[in-house]
């Protein structure tokens, strides 16, 4: 599976999971000058900017390791632009949905 296809599949899985937790998905792949956010969701009076990291093995590190300082700064900058474009002034949470696909051989012995 290509990395783009794996990423799209992970984003869809994350969106479905968040919907099951009571979130409304407001936007997917919100892009602006400062960066991109995979999912913008709302639950109650709070908006969540969600980064989705999907891995099919440990070759590229864990999903959490991909959220480095540069990505964190880009997410903060994206928040400023999201607020300006959407008019949202309420609370915002940053979230990471980490998805790891792993095949485990010989599970019966």
N, C-alpha and C. Protein backbone atom coordinates (compact mmCIF):
# COMPACT_ATOMS: atom_id res chain seq x y z
N UNK A 1 0.86 -1.18 0.00
CA UNK A 1 0.00 0.00 0.00
C UNK A 1 0.90 1.23 0.00
N UNK A 2 0.57 2.20 -0.85
CA UNK A 2 1.37 3.42 -0.90
C UNK A 2 1.20 4.22 0.39
N UNK A 3 2.18 5.06 0.68
CA UNK A 3 2.10 5.85 1.91
C UNK A 3 0.94 6.84 1.87
N UNK A 4 0.62 7.37 0.68
CA UNK A 4 -0.53 8.28 0.57
C UNK A 4 -1.83 7.54 0.85
N UNK A 5 -1.96 6.37 0.30
CA UNK A 5 -3.18 5.58 0.52
C UNK A 5 -3.29 5.15 1.98
N UNK A 6 -2.18 4.76 2.57
CA UNK A 6 -2.18 4.40 3.98
C UNK A 6 -2.59 5.59 4.83
N UNK A 7 -2.08 6.77 4.52
CA UNK A 7 -2.43 7.98 5.25
C UNK A 7 -3.90 8.32 5.14
N UNK A 8 -4.44 8.23 3.92
CA UNK A 8 -5.88 8.50 3.72
C UNK A 8 -6.73 7.49 4.49
N UNK A 9 -6.33 6.23 4.45
CA UNK A 9 -7.07 5.20 5.18
C UNK A 9 -7.02 5.47 6.68
N UNK A 10 -5.87 5.88 7.18
CA UNK A 10 -5.74 6.21 8.59
C UNK A 10 -6.60 7.39 8.99
N UNK A 11 -6.65 8.40 8.14
CA UNK A 11 -7.49 9.57 8.42
C UNK A 11 -8.97 9.20 8.46
N UNK A 12 -9.39 8.32 7.55
CA UNK A 12 -10.78 7.88 7.55
C UNK A 12 -11.10 7.09 8.82
N UNK A 13 -10.21 6.19 9.19
CA UNK A 13 -10.39 5.41 10.42
C UNK A 13 -10.45 6.32 11.65
N UNK A 14 -9.57 7.31 11.68
CA UNK A 14 -9.55 8.27 12.80
C UNK A 14 -10.85 9.06 12.85
N UNK A 15 -11.34 9.52 11.70
CA UNK A 15 -12.59 10.28 11.66
C UNK A 15 -13.75 9.44 12.17
N UNK A 16 -13.83 8.19 11.75
CA UNK A 16 -14.90 7.31 12.22
C UNK A 16 -14.80 7.07 13.72
N UNK A 17 -13.60 6.87 14.21
CA UNK A 17 -13.40 6.66 15.65
C UNK A 17 -13.83 7.89 16.45
N UNK A 18 -13.43 9.06 15.98
CA UNK A 18 -13.80 10.29 16.68
C UNK A 18 -15.30 10.52 16.64
N UNK A 19 -15.93 10.21 15.52
CA UNK A 19 -17.40 10.32 15.45
C UNK A 19 -18.05 9.42 16.51
N UNK A 20 -17.50 8.22 16.67
CA UNK A 20 -18.01 7.30 17.67
C UNK A 20 -17.85 7.82 19.09
N UNK A 21 -16.90 8.71 19.28
CA UNK A 21 -16.68 9.33 20.60
C UNK A 21 -17.49 10.61 20.76
N UNK A 22 -18.32 10.92 19.77
CA UNK A 22 -19.19 12.09 19.88
C UNK A 22 -18.68 13.35 19.22
N UNK A 23 -17.61 13.26 18.44
CA UNK A 23 -17.08 14.43 17.73
C UNK A 23 -17.80 14.61 16.40
N UNK A 24 -17.93 15.84 15.99
CA UNK A 24 -18.40 16.18 14.66
C UNK A 24 -17.17 16.58 13.85
N UNK A 25 -16.99 15.99 12.68
CA UNK A 25 -15.86 16.35 11.82
C UNK A 25 -16.27 17.57 11.00
N UNK A 26 -15.60 18.69 11.25
CA UNK A 26 -15.91 19.95 10.57
C UNK A 26 -15.15 20.09 9.26
N UNK A 27 -13.91 19.60 9.23
CA UNK A 27 -13.07 19.75 8.03
C UNK A 27 -12.02 18.65 7.99
N UNK A 28 -11.63 18.30 6.79
CA UNK A 28 -10.53 17.35 6.57
C UNK A 28 -9.46 18.07 5.77
N UNK A 29 -8.23 17.81 6.14
CA UNK A 29 -7.09 18.39 5.42
C UNK A 29 -7.21 19.89 5.27
N UNK A 30 -7.42 20.56 6.39
CA UNK A 30 -7.49 22.02 6.42
C UNK A 30 -6.10 22.57 6.11
N UNK A 31 -5.97 23.26 4.99
CA UNK A 31 -4.68 23.79 4.55
C UNK A 31 -4.70 25.30 4.57
N UNK A 32 -3.56 25.86 4.98
CA UNK A 32 -3.40 27.31 4.95
C UNK A 32 -1.91 27.59 4.76
N UNK A 33 -1.53 28.86 4.82
CA UNK A 33 -0.13 29.23 4.58
C UNK A 33 0.82 28.58 5.57
N UNK A 34 0.39 28.43 6.81
CA UNK A 34 1.30 27.95 7.87
C UNK A 34 1.35 26.44 8.03
N UNK A 35 0.46 25.73 7.38
CA UNK A 35 0.50 24.29 7.53
C UNK A 35 -0.81 23.62 7.17
N UNK A 36 -0.95 22.40 7.66
CA UNK A 36 -2.12 21.59 7.35
C UNK A 36 -2.50 20.79 8.58
N UNK A 37 -3.79 20.67 8.80
CA UNK A 37 -4.33 19.87 9.89
C UNK A 37 -5.19 18.78 9.26
N UNK A 38 -4.98 17.54 9.68
CA UNK A 38 -5.70 16.43 9.07
C UNK A 38 -7.21 16.51 9.31
N UNK A 39 -7.61 16.74 10.55
CA UNK A 39 -9.03 16.80 10.89
C UNK A 39 -9.30 17.96 11.82
N UNK A 40 -10.37 18.66 11.58
CA UNK A 40 -10.87 19.68 12.51
C UNK A 40 -12.20 19.15 13.01
N UNK A 41 -12.30 18.96 14.32
CA UNK A 41 -13.49 18.35 14.91
C UNK A 41 -14.03 19.24 16.02
N UNK A 42 -15.30 18.99 16.37
CA UNK A 42 -15.89 19.72 17.48
C UNK A 42 -16.70 18.73 18.32
N UNK A 43 -16.57 18.90 19.62
CA UNK A 43 -17.42 18.16 20.56
C UNK A 43 -17.78 19.14 21.66
N UNK A 44 -19.06 19.34 21.85
CA UNK A 44 -19.50 20.33 22.84
C UNK A 44 -19.03 21.70 22.41
N UNK A 45 -18.46 22.45 23.33
CA UNK A 45 -18.01 23.80 23.06
C UNK A 45 -16.54 23.90 22.78
N UNK A 46 -15.93 22.81 22.28
CA UNK A 46 -14.49 22.79 22.06
C UNK A 46 -14.17 22.26 20.66
N UNK A 47 -13.23 22.91 20.00
CA UNK A 47 -12.73 22.46 18.70
C UNK A 47 -11.42 21.72 18.92
N UNK A 48 -11.24 20.63 18.18
CA UNK A 48 -9.99 19.86 18.23
C UNK A 48 -9.32 19.90 16.86
N UNK A 49 -8.05 20.24 16.87
CA UNK A 49 -7.23 20.14 15.67
C UNK A 49 -6.48 18.82 15.80
N UNK A 50 -6.74 17.91 14.87
CA UNK A 50 -6.27 16.53 15.01
C UNK A 50 -5.25 16.19 13.95
N UNK A 51 -4.10 15.76 14.39
CA UNK A 51 -3.07 15.22 13.51
C UNK A 51 -3.21 13.70 13.55
N UNK A 52 -3.24 13.07 12.38
CA UNK A 52 -3.34 11.62 12.29
C UNK A 52 -2.03 11.08 11.75
N UNK A 53 -1.44 10.15 12.47
CA UNK A 53 -0.21 9.49 12.02
C UNK A 53 -0.47 8.00 11.94
N UNK A 54 -0.29 7.46 10.75
CA UNK A 54 -0.51 6.04 10.51
C UNK A 54 0.81 5.41 10.11
N UNK A 55 1.13 4.31 10.75
CA UNK A 55 2.38 3.60 10.46
C UNK A 55 2.09 2.13 10.18
N UNK A 56 2.83 1.56 9.25
CA UNK A 56 2.69 0.14 8.94
C UNK A 56 3.91 -0.64 9.42
N UNK A 57 4.61 -0.11 10.38
CA UNK A 57 5.79 -0.74 10.95
C UNK A 57 6.62 0.30 11.66
N UNK A 58 7.71 -0.14 12.25
CA UNK A 58 8.55 0.76 13.04
C UNK A 58 9.64 1.43 12.22
N UNK A 59 9.67 1.21 10.91
CA UNK A 59 10.73 1.74 10.07
C UNK A 59 10.84 3.26 10.06
N UNK A 60 9.75 3.95 10.28
CA UNK A 60 9.76 5.41 10.29
C UNK A 60 9.52 5.97 11.68
N UNK A 61 9.71 5.16 12.70
CA UNK A 61 9.48 5.61 14.07
C UNK A 61 8.02 5.49 14.45
N UNK A 62 7.74 5.80 15.69
CA UNK A 62 6.37 5.72 16.18
C UNK A 62 5.58 6.94 15.69
N UNK A 63 4.27 6.83 15.67
CA UNK A 63 3.46 7.99 15.27
C UNK A 63 3.74 9.23 16.14
N UNK A 64 3.92 9.03 17.43
CA UNK A 64 4.19 10.15 18.33
C UNK A 64 5.50 10.84 18.05
N UNK A 65 6.50 10.09 17.61
CA UNK A 65 7.81 10.68 17.31
C UNK A 65 7.75 11.62 16.11
N UNK A 66 6.77 11.43 15.26
CA UNK A 66 6.64 12.29 14.08
C UNK A 66 6.13 13.69 14.42
N UNK A 67 5.64 13.85 15.63
CA UNK A 67 5.11 15.15 16.06
C UNK A 67 6.24 15.94 16.71
N UNK A 68 7.19 16.35 15.88
CA UNK A 68 8.37 17.05 16.38
C UNK A 68 8.10 18.54 16.58
N UNK A 69 9.12 19.26 16.98
CA UNK A 69 8.98 20.69 17.25
C UNK A 69 8.49 21.48 16.06
N UNK A 70 8.98 21.17 14.88
CA UNK A 70 8.56 21.90 13.67
C UNK A 70 7.08 21.66 13.39
N UNK A 71 6.63 20.43 13.53
CA UNK A 71 5.22 20.13 13.29
C UNK A 71 4.35 20.80 14.34
N UNK A 72 4.81 20.82 15.59
CA UNK A 72 4.05 21.47 16.66
C UNK A 72 3.90 22.97 16.38
N UNK A 73 4.98 23.60 15.94
CA UNK A 73 4.92 25.04 15.63
C UNK A 73 3.97 25.29 14.44
N UNK A 74 4.02 24.40 13.45
CA UNK A 74 3.13 24.54 12.31
C UNK A 74 1.67 24.41 12.74
N UNK A 75 1.39 23.49 13.67
CA UNK A 75 0.02 23.32 14.16
C UNK A 75 -0.45 24.58 14.90
N UNK A 76 0.43 25.17 15.68
CA UNK A 76 0.08 26.40 16.40
C UNK A 76 -0.20 27.54 15.42
N UNK A 77 0.61 27.64 14.37
CA UNK A 77 0.39 28.66 13.36
C UNK A 77 -0.90 28.42 12.60
N UNK A 78 -1.19 27.16 12.32
CA UNK A 78 -2.42 26.81 11.63
C UNK A 78 -3.63 27.18 12.48
N UNK A 79 -3.50 27.01 13.79
CA UNK A 79 -4.60 27.40 14.69
C UNK A 79 -4.93 28.88 14.53
N UNK A 80 -3.89 29.72 14.48
CA UNK A 80 -4.13 31.15 14.33
C UNK A 80 -4.90 31.44 13.04
N UNK A 81 -4.52 30.78 11.96
CA UNK A 81 -5.22 31.00 10.69
C UNK A 81 -6.62 30.41 10.72
N UNK A 82 -6.78 29.26 11.37
CA UNK A 82 -8.12 28.67 11.48
C UNK A 82 -9.06 29.62 12.24
N UNK A 83 -8.57 30.17 13.33
CA UNK A 83 -9.38 31.12 14.10
C UNK A 83 -9.78 32.32 13.24
N UNK A 84 -8.83 32.84 12.48
CA UNK A 84 -9.10 34.02 11.64
C UNK A 84 -10.12 33.70 10.55
N UNK A 85 -10.00 32.54 9.93
CA UNK A 85 -10.88 32.17 8.83
C UNK A 85 -12.27 31.73 9.30
N UNK A 86 -12.32 31.05 10.43
CA UNK A 86 -13.59 30.48 10.89
C UNK A 86 -14.33 31.39 11.87
N UNK A 87 -13.60 32.30 12.51
CA UNK A 87 -14.20 33.13 13.53
C UNK A 87 -14.33 32.44 14.88
N UNK A 88 -13.79 31.23 15.00
CA UNK A 88 -13.89 30.48 16.26
C UNK A 88 -13.05 31.14 17.35
N UNK A 89 -13.67 31.43 18.47
CA UNK A 89 -12.97 32.07 19.59
C UNK A 89 -12.99 31.21 20.85
N UNK A 90 -13.63 30.05 20.76
CA UNK A 90 -13.73 29.17 21.92
C UNK A 90 -12.46 28.36 22.15
N UNK A 91 -12.52 27.43 23.10
CA UNK A 91 -11.35 26.62 23.42
C UNK A 91 -10.98 25.67 22.29
N UNK A 92 -9.67 25.41 22.19
CA UNK A 92 -9.14 24.52 21.16
C UNK A 92 -8.21 23.52 21.82
N UNK A 93 -8.30 22.30 21.37
CA UNK A 93 -7.43 21.22 21.85
C UNK A 93 -6.66 20.67 20.65
N UNK A 94 -5.39 20.36 20.86
CA UNK A 94 -4.60 19.66 19.85
C UNK A 94 -4.60 18.18 20.22
N UNK A 95 -4.88 17.33 19.22
CA UNK A 95 -4.91 15.90 19.48
C UNK A 95 -4.11 15.16 18.42
N UNK A 96 -3.58 14.03 18.82
CA UNK A 96 -2.89 13.11 17.91
C UNK A 96 -3.63 11.79 17.95
N UNK A 97 -4.02 11.30 16.78
CA UNK A 97 -4.55 9.95 16.67
C UNK A 97 -3.45 9.13 16.02
N UNK A 98 -2.96 8.15 16.75
CA UNK A 98 -1.86 7.31 16.29
C UNK A 98 -2.41 5.94 15.91
N UNK A 99 -2.12 5.53 14.68
CA UNK A 99 -2.58 4.24 14.18
C UNK A 99 -1.37 3.46 13.72
N UNK A 100 -1.20 2.27 14.26
CA UNK A 100 -0.10 1.41 13.87
C UNK A 100 -0.65 0.08 13.40
N UNK A 101 -0.32 -0.30 12.19
CA UNK A 101 -0.72 -1.59 11.63
C UNK A 101 0.47 -2.53 11.73
N UNK A 102 0.22 -3.69 12.27
CA UNK A 102 1.32 -4.63 12.47
C UNK A 102 0.82 -6.04 12.18
N UNK A 103 1.61 -6.81 11.47
CA UNK A 103 1.32 -8.22 11.23
C UNK A 103 2.19 -9.02 12.17
N UNK A 104 1.56 -9.87 12.94
CA UNK A 104 2.28 -10.71 13.89
C UNK A 104 2.16 -12.15 13.42
N UNK A 105 3.29 -12.76 13.08
CA UNK A 105 3.32 -14.13 12.59
C UNK A 105 3.33 -15.13 13.74
N UNK A 106 2.88 -16.33 13.43
CA UNK A 106 2.95 -17.48 14.35
C UNK A 106 2.33 -17.19 15.70
N UNK A 107 1.13 -16.67 15.70
CA UNK A 107 0.49 -16.31 16.97
C UNK A 107 0.02 -17.53 17.75
N UNK A 108 -0.06 -18.68 17.10
CA UNK A 108 -0.50 -19.88 17.82
C UNK A 108 0.65 -20.78 18.24
N UNK A 109 1.82 -20.33 18.00
CA UNK A 109 2.85 -21.19 18.54
C UNK A 109 4.15 -21.06 17.91
